[in-house]
Amino acid sequence: MSMRDQSMRDLAIAAGVLALAIGAGAAVAETPRLGKPINQTDLAGWDINILPDGSNLPPGSGRAVDGGKVYAEKCAFCHGDKGQGGHAVRLIGGPPKATLDGGKTIANYWPNATTLFDFIRRAMPFTQPRSLTDQEVYALVAYILAENKLIGENDEINATTLPQVRMPNRDNFVPQFPERM
């Protein structure tokens, strides 16, 4: 390639880069103007995270007997009769210790009972996430914890009692935020 050809190629590349830069600048200036700014009121409906210490748990309560009814109606199809597994994971029972290869159930793996509330409220049932009331979630949590023999059948689960449930595997995790434990 001659020097002239090399110079022409370099010039063409520089012109192409310049054209892209100008086009990108124009594209940034021309936004589709979709959506609207979100305010705190709009955000509040989505700010539903529950921390390990129980912070942000809503008012309400539930017992295992009520949770059993909700479970049969809204959970058993995927998680099987009495939480023994089906299309979705097993929730009740399982091996005494979780392994890296599997066998992770609520009783042998989860470090915090509050996480159970958070997950159920946020993601279950799979086909209709966030469709359960807080009362139903408390009742389901009570049912799952009672079936796993982590609380008594007649114990009430609420914002005060749920963070006090001591999960068997709690001490086998290194907390990211120990001050919240």
Foldseek 3Di string as FASTA:
>chain_A
DDPVVVVVVVVVVVVVVVVVVVVVVVVVVDDPPDDDDDDPVNCVVVPQDAFLQLPNFDFEKAAQVLLLVVCVVFPCVAQNDLQCGDVDHRAADFDQAADPVDRDYQQHHDQALRVQLRCCCACPPVVDHNPDDSHNSNNNSNNSCCRNVQDPRGDMDGSVVRSVRGRPCNVVDDDPDVVSD
